[in-house]
């Protein structure tokens, strides 16, 4: 695998991790700031967070496999 391909995988893994972190932050904000008025948004936010974490896990696994 070329250095360029490896850098692309690293970038994808970092981006997926950032997205997952942002989703978790949204859940945290609802819980901390507006639970009693926005609690109905939690199931969708939780699913979005799980999906983002799974995407990160997949990207990270590809990166680790490429790194050997």
C-alpha atoms as a PDB file:
ATOM      1  CA  UNK A   1       0.000   0.000   0.000  1.00  0.00           C
ATOM      2  CA  UNK A   2       1.343   3.391  -0.943  1.00  0.00           C
ATOM      3  CA  UNK A   3       1.906   6.203   1.524  1.00  0.00           C
ATOM      4  CA  UNK A   4      -0.849   8.158  -0.177  1.00  0.00           C
ATOM      5  CA  UNK A   5      -3.366   5.334   0.280  1.00  0.00           C
ATOM      6  CA  UNK A   6      -2.348   4.951   3.912  1.00  0.00           C
ATOM      7  CA  UNK A   7      -2.766   8.685   4.505  1.00  0.00           C
ATOM      8  CA  UNK A   8      -6.222   8.492   2.946  1.00  0.00           C
ATOM      9  CA  UNK A   9      -7.213   5.702   5.364  1.00  0.00           C
ATOM     10  CA  UNK A  10      -5.835   7.709   8.296  1.00  0.00           C
ATOM     11  CA  UNK A  11      -7.829  10.739   7.212  1.00  0.00           C
ATOM     12  CA  UNK A  12     -11.007   8.660   6.880  1.00  0.00           C
ATOM     13  CA  UNK A  13     -10.527   7.157  10.355  1.00  0.00           C
ATOM     14  CA  UNK A  14      -9.925  10.586  11.915  1.00  0.00           C
ATOM     15  CA  UNK A  15     -12.983  12.011  10.159  1.00  0.00           C
ATOM     16  CA  UNK A  16     -15.175   9.111  11.309  1.00  0.00           C
ATOM     17  CA  UNK A  17     -13.931   9.539  14.885  1.00  0.00           C
ATOM     18  CA  UNK A  18     -14.687  13.280  14.761  1.00  0.00           C
ATOM     19  CA  UNK A  19     -18.215  12.614  13.521  1.00  0.00           C
ATOM     20  CA  UNK A  20     -18.820  10.030  16.263  1.00  0.00           C
ATOM     21  CA  UNK A  21     -17.523  12.472  18.867  1.00  0.00           C
ATOM     22  CA  UNK A  22     -19.818  15.207  17.553  1.00  0.00           C
ATOM     23  CA  UNK A  23     -22.809  12.852  17.769  1.00  0.00           C
ATOM     24  CA  UNK A  24     -21.930  11.922  21.342  1.00  0.00           C
ATOM     25  CA  UNK A  25     -21.637  15.615  22.134  1.00  0.00           C
ATOM     26  CA  UNK A  26     -25.160  16.204  20.832  1.00  0.00           C
ATOM     27  CA  UNK A  27     -26.492  13.476  23.135  1.00  0.00           C
ATOM     28  CA  UNK A  28     -24.582  15.009  26.031  1.00  0.00           C
ATOM     29  CA  UNK A  29     -25.972  18.463  25.286  1.00  0.00           C
ATOM     30  CA  UNK A  30     -29.545  17.199  25.323  1.00  0.00           C
ATOM     31  CA  UNK A  31     -28.999  15.346  28.585  1.00  0.00           C
ATOM     32  CA  UNK A  32     -27.244  18.256  30.263  1.00  0.00           C
ATOM     33  CA  UNK A  33     -29.203  21.202  28.901  1.00  0.00           C
ATOM     34  CA  UNK A  34     -32.643  20.296  27.652  1.00  0.00           C
ATOM     35  CA  UNK A  35     -33.584  16.792  28.737  1.00  0.00           C
ATOM     36  CA  UNK A  36     -37.092  17.685  29.845  1.00  0.00           C
ATOM     37  CA  UNK A  37     -37.994  19.413  26.610  1.00  0.00           C
ATOM     38  CA  UNK A  38     -36.000  17.406  24.045  1.00  0.00           C
ATOM     39  CA  UNK A  39     -35.989  13.893  25.493  1.00  0.00           C
ATOM     40  CA  UNK A  40     -37.932  12.615  22.494  1.00  0.00           C
ATOM     41  CA  UNK A  41     -34.933  13.350  20.274  1.00  0.00           C
ATOM     42  CA  UNK A  42     -32.708  10.957  22.247  1.00  0.00           C
ATOM     43  CA  UNK A  43     -33.563   7.696  20.415  1.00  0.00           C
ATOM     44  CA  UNK A  44     -32.700   9.200  17.024  1.00  0.00           C
ATOM     45  CA  UNK A  45     -29.560  10.858  18.392  1.00  0.00           C
ATOM     46  CA  UNK A  46     -28.520   7.611  20.060  1.00  0.00           C
ATOM     47  CA  UNK A  47     -28.963   5.671  16.810  1.00  0.00           C
ATOM     48  CA  UNK A  48     -27.013   8.307  14.906  1.00  0.00           C
ATOM     49  CA  UNK A  49     -24.227   7.986  17.484  1.00  0.00           C
ATOM     50  CA  UNK A  50     -24.178   4.190  17.261  1.00  0.00           C
ATOM     51  CA  UNK A  51     -24.047   4.365  13.462  1.00  0.00           C
ATOM     52  CA  UNK A  52     -21.196   6.875  13.623  1.00  0.00           C
ATOM     53  CA  UNK A  53     -19.279   4.663  16.058  1.00  0.00           C
ATOM     54  CA  UNK A  54     -19.729   1.660  13.778  1.00  0.00           C
ATOM     55  CA  UNK A  55     -18.457   3.711  10.836  1.00  0.00           C
ATOM     56  CA  UNK A  56     -15.410   4.723  12.883  1.00  0.00           C
ATOM     57  CA  UNK A  57     -14.806   1.111  13.923  1.00  0.00           C
ATOM     58  CA  UNK A  58     -14.866   0.016  10.282  1.00  0.00           C
ATOM     59  CA  UNK A  59     -12.558   2.822   9.167  1.00  0.00           C
ATOM     60  CA  UNK A  60     -10.176   2.114  12.041  1.00  0.00           C
ATOM     61  CA  UNK A  61     -10.116  -1.607  11.228  1.00  0.00           C
ATOM     62  CA  UNK A  62      -9.227  -0.844   7.594  1.00  0.00           C
ATOM     63  CA  UNK A  63      -6.443   1.441   8.761  1.00  0.00           C
ATOM     64  CA  UNK A  64      -5.057  -1.119  11.196  1.00  0.00           C
ATOM     65  CA  UNK A  65      -5.166  -3.848   8.565  1.00  0.00           C
ATOM     66  CA  UNK A  66      -3.279  -1.630   6.129  1.00  0.00           C
ATOM     67  CA  UNK A  67      -0.667  -0.778   8.737  1.00  0.00           C
ATOM     68  CA  UNK A  68      -0.048  -4.434   9.266  1.00  0.00           C
END
